[in-house]
């Protein structure tokens, strides 16, 4: 497909003093000359352009598509599409008995790996650009004087090192985003596996190729595996659709973390003393060698904890709801639940790439504690009480609640009692009847009607 363009890209980069193998390592790509040549054909185009934006999305798109088809991505058969969409329809029926949240209301779909990439890249953009932008700005600002005063800085006909650094960073981030999305497309079962809503629309999705591959190594029939995974996907979709603030809440934490990225200037200045900022190879080596690793601040640590807790609550709720919905119907529901729990806790190569890319680990480490908490709330107040917790972000359980799930109900009851006592005291101060309905008109003697 790329052929001569790939060879020309390799040659162009070497002439600029850049080692393609080092660039691949920086982006987390395998050192496969054929694949790398195809990717670098796009990088060549990027270097010839203005380099606008912290992530080169042409590179990201092509790397993602290449990674998606690396192990094969045949077109889905009518039978695969039918069985996948039927499983999602059955999942909705089973979930109706397990949660008060209604179906998401969107279309049930079956996607190939490539289709998954195409539909989820817009959200990857939202996740990656704040991080890439913060790092790019921090790098150029921290190196500002050396970039301008170094050999050739500002001279006519000489490559602007600051612009070159942005272009290299854009290429590396593009390759990282593409590699993360493409690799995930070979591992995910739907659109919600990483715990973040990757689609804006209320769509439920299965990736039949990955579902079938996962089922091959299990004792359970593929039909059971497909239904179990369909229930998880539909449960996620209900939550993200009907808890309107949740998507923005999760993505907002990632954004807050990204915008707080800082560089350890002292370490940076010491490192760059040996770097010629006009030397592309030196700049590239610095980017790939961890010289500019972001410095984690206390605020970012707090955001990490917030994200970890929120992801655990989402995963724990889906885990509990899926178990309630599938236990009456699937003989292997319990072992399938445990299998998915371990899989999510362990993560995989793609999630490690995502952690490198965004600087955040998406594994819900405390999902078991969260599932225990949701089960406790259900035992105490039923499904309505459990699902009502998602009514407002202030109602969400905290990290302390994950530490002591069994004490959550008692703490919430005590808090509600205290709030009622405060309302009663305020009513007395204002001369109102504490037992009157809000908005009731006062009677002539001062009482409310």
Protein backbone atom coordinates (compact mmCIF):
# COMPACT_ATOMS: atom_id res chain seq x y z
CA UNK A 1 0.00 0.00 0.00
CA UNK A 2 2.75 2.45 0.94
CA UNK A 3 5.75 0.81 -0.79
CA UNK A 4 8.09 3.46 -2.16
CA UNK A 5 6.60 6.05 0.18
CA UNK A 6 7.70 3.96 3.15
CA UNK A 7 11.27 3.62 1.81
CA UNK A 8 11.38 7.34 1.12
CA UNK A 9 10.16 8.05 4.65
CA UNK A 10 12.93 5.93 6.15
CA UNK A 11 15.51 7.73 4.03
CA UNK A 12 14.11 11.16 4.88
CA UNK A 13 14.24 10.50 8.62
CA UNK A 14 17.80 9.19 8.51
CA UNK A 15 18.87 12.25 6.56
CA UNK A 16 17.41 14.38 9.33
CA UNK A 17 19.46 12.48 11.89
CA UNK A 18 16.55 10.44 13.26
CA UNK A 19 16.79 6.73 13.93
CA UNK A 20 13.51 4.97 12.96
CA UNK A 21 14.12 2.17 15.46
CA UNK A 22 14.51 4.68 18.30
CA UNK A 23 11.35 6.46 17.19
CA UNK A 24 9.44 3.17 17.23
CA UNK A 25 10.67 2.46 20.75
CA UNK A 26 9.57 5.93 21.85
CA UNK A 27 6.05 5.25 20.64
CA UNK A 28 5.85 1.72 21.99
CA UNK A 29 5.74 0.20 18.51
CA UNK A 30 7.28 -3.18 17.68
CA UNK A 31 10.53 -2.86 15.73
CA UNK A 32 8.95 -4.34 12.60
CA UNK A 33 10.60 -2.74 9.53
CA UNK A 34 7.59 -3.31 7.27
CA UNK A 35 5.03 -1.86 9.69
CA UNK A 36 7.39 0.91 10.74
CA UNK A 37 7.99 1.89 7.13
CA UNK A 38 4.26 2.24 6.53
CA UNK A 39 3.88 4.39 9.62
CA UNK A 40 6.86 6.58 8.82
CA UNK A 41 5.47 7.29 5.37
CA UNK A 42 2.87 9.28 7.26
CA UNK A 43 5.50 10.77 9.56
CA UNK A 44 7.31 12.06 6.47
CA UNK A 45 4.16 13.92 5.46
CA UNK A 46 3.92 15.35 8.97
CA UNK A 47 7.48 16.65 8.90
CA UNK A 48 6.76 18.42 5.63
CA UNK A 49 3.70 20.12 7.10
CA UNK A 50 3.35 22.82 9.71
CA UNK A 51 2.99 20.37 12.56
CA UNK A 52 -0.08 22.02 14.07
CA UNK A 53 -1.59 20.29 17.08
CA UNK A 54 0.05 18.21 19.84
CA UNK A 55 -0.97 14.89 18.22
CA UNK A 56 -0.69 14.05 14.54
CA UNK A 57 -4.03 12.36 13.93
CA UNK A 58 -3.20 11.16 10.44
CA UNK A 59 -0.35 9.16 11.95
CA UNK A 60 -2.57 8.00 14.84
CA UNK A 61 -5.29 6.82 12.46
CA UNK A 62 -2.94 4.88 10.19
CA UNK A 63 -1.04 3.25 13.07
CA UNK A 64 -4.33 2.26 14.70
CA UNK A 65 -5.62 0.66 11.50
CA UNK A 66 -2.33 -1.17 10.98
CA UNK A 67 -2.36 -2.50 14.55
CA UNK A 68 -6.03 -3.50 14.31
CA UNK A 69 -5.44 -5.77 11.33
CA UNK A 70 -2.02 -7.06 12.42
CA UNK A 71 -3.53 -10.40 13.55
CA UNK A 72 -6.30 -10.43 10.96
CA UNK A 73 -9.60 -8.58 10.81
CA UNK A 74 -11.98 -10.39 8.46
CA UNK A 75 -15.28 -8.81 7.59
CA UNK A 76 -18.11 -9.95 9.84
CA UNK A 77 -20.48 -12.53 8.44
CA UNK A 78 -24.27 -12.05 8.57
CA UNK A 79 -24.37 -14.85 11.14
CA UNK A 80 -21.87 -13.08 13.43
CA UNK A 81 -23.79 -9.82 13.20
CA UNK A 82 -27.11 -11.54 13.91
CA UNK A 83 -25.90 -13.53 16.94
CA UNK A 84 -24.15 -10.47 18.42
CA UNK A 85 -27.16 -8.16 18.11
CA UNK A 86 -29.51 -10.87 19.38
CA UNK A 87 -27.30 -11.33 22.44
CA UNK A 88 -27.46 -7.59 23.14
CA UNK A 89 -31.26 -7.69 22.86
CA UNK A 90 -31.51 -10.61 25.31
CA UNK A 91 -29.13 -8.76 27.65
CA UNK A 92 -31.55 -5.85 27.87
CA UNK A 93 -34.40 -8.17 28.89
CA UNK A 94 -32.33 -9.75 31.65
CA UNK A 95 -31.12 -6.36 32.91
CA UNK A 96 -34.70 -5.11 33.28
CA UNK A 97 -35.01 -7.47 36.24
CA UNK A 98 -31.72 -6.37 37.82
CA UNK A 99 -31.75 -2.55 37.69
CA UNK A 100 -34.16 0.38 37.65
CA UNK A 101 -32.07 2.12 34.99
CA UNK A 102 -33.81 1.68 31.61
CA UNK A 103 -32.12 0.53 28.39
CA UNK A 104 -29.75 3.00 26.74
CA UNK A 105 -32.11 3.18 23.77
CA UNK A 106 -29.50 3.10 21.03
CA UNK A 107 -28.91 0.63 18.23
CA UNK A 108 -27.22 -2.70 18.99
CA UNK A 109 -24.20 -3.16 16.72
CA UNK A 110 -21.52 -5.68 15.82
CA UNK A 111 -18.17 -4.22 14.72
CA UNK A 112 -14.95 -5.48 13.25
CA UNK A 113 -11.71 -4.35 14.89
CA UNK A 114 -11.21 -1.67 12.24
CA UNK A 115 -14.72 -0.36 12.77
CA UNK A 116 -14.07 -0.18 16.50
CA UNK A 117 -11.00 1.98 15.81
CA UNK A 118 -12.89 4.33 13.50
CA UNK A 119 -15.74 4.91 15.96
CA UNK A 120 -13.64 5.36 19.12
CA UNK A 121 -10.82 7.60 17.83
CA UNK A 122 -12.75 10.84 18.57
CA UNK A 123 -12.74 10.01 22.29
CA UNK A 124 -9.08 9.01 22.15
CA UNK A 125 -8.51 12.51 20.84
CA UNK A 126 -10.26 14.02 23.85
CA UNK A 127 -8.17 11.85 26.18
CA UNK A 128 -4.77 12.30 24.54
CA UNK A 129 -4.63 15.93 23.43
CA UNK A 130 -4.62 17.57 26.89
CA UNK A 131 -1.68 15.36 27.93
CA UNK A 132 0.20 15.84 24.69
CA UNK A 133 -0.42 19.59 24.68
CA UNK A 134 0.74 20.02 28.27
CA UNK A 135 3.91 18.03 27.68
CA UNK A 136 4.71 19.80 24.41
CA UNK A 137 4.31 23.24 26.03
CA UNK A 138 6.32 22.22 29.07
CA UNK A 139 9.17 20.85 26.97
CA UNK A 140 9.49 23.90 24.75
CA UNK A 141 9.12 26.36 27.63
CA UNK A 142 11.64 24.54 29.79
CA UNK A 143 14.16 24.47 26.94
CA UNK A 144 13.23 27.93 25.68
CA UNK A 145 16.54 29.77 26.03
CA UNK A 146 18.65 26.85 24.89
CA UNK A 147 16.42 26.25 21.88
CA UNK A 148 16.73 29.90 20.81
CA UNK A 149 20.37 30.42 21.68
CA UNK A 150 21.76 27.08 20.63
CA UNK A 151 23.81 26.60 17.41
CA UNK A 152 21.79 27.77 14.45
CA UNK A 153 18.88 29.05 16.55
CA UNK A 154 16.95 31.63 14.55
CA UNK A 155 19.31 31.56 11.55
CA UNK A 156 17.71 31.67 8.08
CA UNK A 157 17.54 28.28 6.40
CA UNK A 158 18.09 26.40 9.67
CA UNK A 159 15.34 24.21 11.07
CA UNK A 160 13.68 25.86 14.07
CA UNK A 161 14.52 23.43 16.91
CA UNK A 162 11.43 24.38 18.91
CA UNK A 163 9.18 23.64 15.94
CA UNK A 164 11.09 20.45 15.22
CA UNK A 165 10.60 19.33 18.81
CA UNK A 166 6.86 19.94 18.52
CA UNK A 167 6.77 18.00 15.26
CA UNK A 168 8.68 15.09 16.74
CA UNK A 169 6.45 15.10 19.80
CA UNK A 170 3.36 15.24 17.59
CA UNK A 171 4.59 12.24 15.62
CA UNK A 172 5.51 10.23 18.71
CA UNK A 173 2.17 10.97 20.38
CA UNK A 174 0.34 10.10 17.17
CA UNK A 175 2.12 6.77 17.04
CA UNK A 176 1.36 6.14 20.72
CA UNK A 177 -2.34 6.95 20.38
CA UNK A 178 -2.62 4.79 17.28
CA UNK A 179 -0.79 1.90 18.88
CA UNK A 180 -2.96 2.07 22.01
CA UNK A 181 -6.24 2.22 20.07
CA UNK A 182 -5.21 -0.39 17.52
CA UNK A 183 -3.96 -2.86 20.11
CA UNK A 184 -7.06 -2.39 22.26
CA UNK A 185 -9.21 -3.15 19.21
CA UNK A 186 -7.82 -6.70 19.33
CA UNK A 187 -8.65 -7.14 23.03
CA UNK A 188 -11.96 -5.39 23.72
CA UNK A 189 -15.37 -7.05 23.62
CA UNK A 190 -17.38 -3.84 23.20
CA UNK A 191 -17.20 -0.08 23.61
CA UNK A 192 -16.92 0.11 27.41
CA UNK A 193 -14.17 -2.34 28.40
CA UNK A 194 -11.72 0.23 29.78
CA UNK A 195 -14.37 1.74 32.05
CA UNK A 196 -14.61 5.00 30.12
CA UNK A 197 -17.42 5.67 27.64
CA UNK A 198 -15.67 5.72 24.27
CA UNK A 199 -18.85 6.60 22.37
CA UNK A 200 -21.05 9.66 22.75
CA UNK A 201 -24.15 7.97 21.38
CA UNK A 202 -26.20 5.43 23.33
CA UNK A 203 -24.97 2.43 21.34
CA UNK A 204 -24.28 -1.10 22.57
CA UNK A 205 -21.50 -2.93 20.73
CA UNK A 206 -19.93 -6.36 20.54
CA UNK A 207 -16.72 -7.21 18.64
CA UNK A 208 -17.50 -10.84 17.60
CA UNK A 209 -13.95 -11.67 16.51
CA UNK A 210 -12.62 -10.90 19.99
CA UNK A 211 -15.54 -12.53 21.78
CA UNK A 212 -15.03 -15.77 19.88
CA UNK A 213 -11.25 -15.70 20.46
CA UNK A 214 -11.79 -15.21 24.21
CA UNK A 215 -14.33 -18.04 24.40
CA UNK A 216 -11.96 -20.51 22.72
CA UNK A 217 -9.86 -20.80 25.88
CA UNK A 218 -12.78 -21.29 28.26
CA UNK A 219 -14.87 -24.27 29.31
CA UNK A 220 -18.12 -22.35 28.91
CA UNK A 221 -19.97 -22.51 25.56
CA UNK A 222 -19.39 -19.52 23.29
CA UNK A 223 -23.12 -18.71 23.47
CA UNK A 224 -22.88 -18.24 27.24
CA UNK A 225 -19.73 -16.15 26.97
CA UNK A 226 -21.35 -13.93 24.34
CA UNK A 227 -24.45 -13.37 26.48
CA UNK A 228 -22.43 -12.64 29.61
CA UNK A 229 -20.30 -10.05 27.80
CA UNK A 230 -23.41 -8.58 26.15
CA UNK A 231 -24.96 -8.02 29.58
CA UNK A 232 -21.82 -6.22 30.77
CA UNK A 233 -21.82 -4.00 27.69
CA UNK A 234 -25.52 -3.17 28.03
CA UNK A 235 -25.14 -2.46 31.77
CA UNK A 236 -22.34 0.00 31.07
CA UNK A 237 -24.43 1.65 28.37
CA UNK A 238 -27.41 2.09 30.71
CA UNK A 239 -25.19 3.67 33.34
CA UNK A 240 -23.41 6.10 31.02
CA UNK A 241 -26.65 7.04 29.23
CA UNK A 242 -28.90 7.68 32.19
CA UNK A 243 -26.33 9.07 34.63
CA UNK A 244 -25.86 12.18 32.53
CA UNK A 245 -22.99 13.66 34.54
CA UNK A 246 -20.85 10.51 34.68
CA UNK A 247 -19.10 10.70 31.30
CA UNK A 248 -18.05 14.31 31.87
CA UNK A 249 -17.03 13.47 35.44
CA UNK A 250 -14.61 10.74 34.36
CA UNK A 251 -13.17 12.58 31.36
CA UNK A 252 -12.90 15.72 33.47
CA UNK A 253 -10.64 13.95 35.96
CA UNK A 254 -8.36 12.83 33.12
CA UNK A 255 -8.33 16.37 31.73
CA UNK A 256 -7.54 17.89 35.15
CA UNK A 257 -4.65 15.48 35.56
CA UNK A 258 -3.32 16.28 32.10
CA UNK A 259 -3.49 20.05 32.53
CA UNK A 260 -1.56 19.78 35.79
CA UNK A 261 1.45 18.16 34.15
CA UNK A 262 4.71 19.83 35.13
CA UNK A 263 8.33 19.17 34.34
CA UNK A 264 11.06 18.84 36.94
CA UNK A 265 13.02 21.85 35.65
CA UNK A 266 16.15 21.18 37.73
CA UNK A 267 16.48 17.64 36.38
CA UNK A 268 15.64 18.85 32.89
CA UNK A 269 18.29 21.58 32.87
CA UNK A 270 20.91 19.12 34.07
CA UNK A 271 19.94 16.65 31.35
CA UNK A 272 19.88 19.14 28.46
CA UNK A 273 23.35 20.47 29.13
CA UNK A 274 24.57 17.56 27.02
CA UNK A 275 21.91 17.98 24.31
CA UNK A 276 22.37 20.07 21.19
CA UNK A 277 18.82 21.36 20.60
CA UNK A 278 19.56 21.78 16.88
CA UNK A 279 20.37 18.07 16.61
CA UNK A 280 17.16 16.16 15.75
CA UNK A 281 18.67 12.86 16.85
CA UNK A 282 19.51 14.30 20.28
CA UNK A 283 16.03 15.74 20.73
CA UNK A 284 14.46 12.48 19.61
CA UNK A 285 16.64 10.47 21.95
CA UNK A 286 15.62 12.73 24.83
CA UNK A 287 11.94 12.28 24.03
CA UNK A 288 12.27 8.50 23.99
CA UNK A 289 14.67 8.20 26.90
CA UNK A 290 12.48 9.52 29.68
CA UNK A 291 14.47 12.73 30.19
CA UNK A 292 11.24 14.73 30.11
CA UNK A 293 9.17 12.46 32.33
CA UNK A 294 6.33 14.49 33.89
CA UNK A 295 6.51 15.30 37.57
CA UNK A 296 3.47 14.12 39.57
CA UNK A 297 2.14 16.82 41.88
CA UNK A 298 -0.02 16.34 45.01
CA UNK A 299 -2.99 17.65 43.01
CA UNK A 300 -2.41 15.00 40.35
CA UNK A 301 -2.11 12.31 43.00
CA UNK A 302 -5.50 13.42 44.29
CA UNK A 303 -6.93 13.17 40.77
CA UNK A 304 -5.43 9.71 40.38
CA UNK A 305 -7.20 8.62 43.55
CA UNK A 306 -10.48 10.19 42.38
CA UNK A 307 -10.25 8.38 39.05
CA UNK A 308 -9.33 5.08 40.66
CA UNK A 309 -12.32 5.33 42.99
CA UNK A 310 -14.73 6.37 40.23
CA UNK A 311 -13.59 3.56 37.91
CA UNK A 312 -13.91 1.05 40.74
CA UNK A 313 -17.48 2.22 41.45
CA UNK A 314 -18.44 1.90 37.78
CA UNK A 315 -16.83 -1.52 37.45
CA UNK A 316 -18.22 -2.72 40.77
CA UNK A 317 -21.76 -1.65 39.85
CA UNK A 318 -21.57 -3.34 36.44
CA UNK A 319 -20.08 -6.45 38.05
CA UNK A 320 -22.90 -6.66 40.61
CA UNK A 321 -25.66 -5.92 38.08
CA UNK A 322 -24.28 -8.43 35.56
CA UNK A 323 -24.16 -11.14 38.22
CA UNK A 324 -27.77 -10.46 39.26
CA UNK A 325 -28.93 -10.50 35.63
CA UNK A 326 -27.07 -13.62 34.49
CA UNK A 327 -27.16 -15.99 37.48
CA UNK A 328 -30.74 -17.14 36.77
CA UNK A 329 -29.92 -17.87 33.13
CA UNK A 330 -26.27 -18.91 32.64
CA UNK A 331 -24.83 -22.04 34.31
CA UNK A 332 -21.29 -20.60 34.03
CA UNK A 333 -22.15 -17.11 35.28
CA UNK A 334 -20.02 -17.41 38.46
CA UNK A 335 -16.77 -18.59 36.79
CA UNK A 336 -17.28 -16.08 33.96
CA UNK A 337 -17.66 -13.31 36.53
CA UNK A 338 -14.41 -14.31 38.21
CA UNK A 339 -12.61 -14.58 34.87
CA UNK A 340 -13.60 -11.05 33.89
CA UNK A 341 -12.69 -9.73 37.34
CA UNK A 342 -9.18 -11.11 37.04
CA UNK A 343 -8.82 -9.91 33.49
CA UNK A 344 -9.79 -6.35 34.40
CA UNK A 345 -7.55 -6.32 37.47
CA UNK A 346 -4.50 -7.59 35.59
CA UNK A 347 -4.83 -5.35 32.54
CA UNK A 348 -3.00 -6.10 29.31
CA UNK A 349 -0.40 -4.73 26.90
CA UNK A 350 -2.84 -2.25 25.42
CA UNK A 351 -3.80 -0.83 28.81
CA UNK A 352 -0.10 -0.49 29.63
CA UNK A 353 0.30 1.48 26.40
CA UNK A 354 -2.63 3.65 27.48
CA UNK A 355 -0.98 4.23 30.86
CA UNK A 356 2.17 5.38 29.08
CA UNK A 357 0.17 7.58 26.75
CA UNK A 358 -2.14 9.35 29.19
CA UNK A 359 -0.11 8.83 32.36
CA UNK A 360 -3.06 7.11 34.03
CA UNK A 361 -3.76 3.47 34.75
CA UNK A 362 -7.32 2.55 33.89
CA UNK A 363 -7.47 -0.64 35.91
CA UNK A 364 -10.13 -0.50 38.63
CA UNK A 365 -7.93 -1.95 41.37
CA UNK A 366 -10.71 -1.84 43.95
CA UNK A 367 -13.59 -3.18 41.90
CA UNK A 368 -14.13 -6.11 44.30
CA UNK A 369 -14.52 -3.72 47.22
CA UNK A 370 -16.90 -1.63 45.11
CA UNK A 371 -18.97 -4.70 44.17
CA UNK A 372 -19.21 -5.59 47.87
CA UNK A 373 -20.36 -2.04 48.61
CA UNK A 374 -23.10 -2.12 45.94
CA UNK A 375 -24.24 -5.53 47.20
CA UNK A 376 -24.45 -4.13 50.75
CA UNK A 377 -26.52 -1.16 49.59
CA UNK A 378 -28.85 -3.54 47.71
CA UNK A 379 -29.32 -5.74 50.77
CA UNK A 380 -30.14 -2.70 52.89
CA UNK A 381 -32.42 -0.73 50.57
CA UNK A 382 -33.05 -2.75 47.42
CA UNK A 383 -32.20 -2.02 43.80
CA UNK A 384 -33.94 1.36 43.82
CA UNK A 385 -31.84 2.59 46.73
CA UNK A 386 -28.67 1.25 45.08
CA UNK A 387 -29.28 2.87 41.70
CA UNK A 388 -30.38 6.17 43.29
CA UNK A 389 -26.80 6.65 44.52
CA UNK A 390 -25.94 7.66 40.93
CA UNK A 391 -28.42 10.54 41.16
CA UNK A 392 -25.73 13.13 41.94
CA UNK A 393 -21.90 13.08 42.15
CA UNK A 394 -22.08 14.23 45.79
CA UNK A 395 -23.88 10.99 46.65
CA UNK A 396 -21.10 8.76 45.33
CA UNK A 397 -19.30 6.59 47.86
CA UNK A 398 -15.76 7.67 48.71
CA UNK A 399 -12.46 5.87 49.08
CA UNK A 400 -13.23 5.55 52.79
CA UNK A 401 -16.45 3.76 51.86
CA UNK A 402 -14.46 1.27 49.78
CA UNK A 403 -12.28 0.69 52.86
CA UNK A 404 -15.37 -0.16 54.91
CA UNK A 405 -18.25 -1.20 52.60
CA UNK A 406 -20.37 -2.65 55.42
CA UNK A 407 -20.34 0.67 57.29
CA UNK A 408 -21.53 2.75 54.31
CA UNK A 409 -25.24 2.40 55.00
CA UNK A 410 -24.81 3.37 58.65
CA UNK A 411 -22.75 6.42 57.70
CA UNK A 412 -25.29 7.52 55.09
CA UNK A 413 -28.15 7.06 57.58
CA UNK A 414 -26.29 9.12 60.17
CA UNK A 415 -25.58 11.83 57.60
CA UNK A 416 -29.23 11.94 56.53
CA UNK A 417 -30.33 12.19 60.18
CA UNK A 418 -27.89 15.03 60.79
CA UNK A 419 -29.15 16.85 57.69
CA UNK A 420 -32.74 16.45 58.87
CA UNK A 421 -31.79 17.83 62.30
CA UNK A 422 -30.21 20.88 60.65
CA UNK A 423 -33.32 21.46 58.52
CA UNK A 424 -35.51 21.21 61.63
CA UNK A 425 -33.36 23.68 63.55
CA UNK A 426 -33.45 26.17 60.66
CA UNK A 427 -37.22 25.83 60.44
CA UNK A 428 -37.57 26.61 64.14
CA UNK A 429 -35.33 29.67 63.82
CA UNK A 430 -37.44 30.93 60.91
CA UNK A 431 -40.65 30.28 62.81
CA UNK A 432 -41.75 27.57 60.43
CA UNK A 433 -43.43 24.28 61.16
CA UNK A 434 -40.68 21.59 60.71
CA UNK A 435 -43.32 19.09 59.62
CA UNK A 436 -44.97 21.31 57.04
CA UNK A 437 -44.68 20.66 53.34
CA UNK A 438 -42.13 22.90 51.56
CA UNK A 439 -43.82 26.00 50.16
CA UNK A 440 -46.93 25.74 52.34
CA UNK A 441 -48.54 29.11 53.09
CA UNK A 442 -48.43 30.26 56.75
CA UNK A 443 -51.77 30.51 58.58
CA UNK A 444 -52.79 33.82 60.24
CA UNK A 445 -51.45 32.64 63.60
CA UNK A 446 -48.03 31.96 62.07
CA UNK A 447 -48.47 28.27 61.31
CA UNK A 448 -48.22 26.84 57.82
CA UNK A 449 -51.37 25.58 56.22
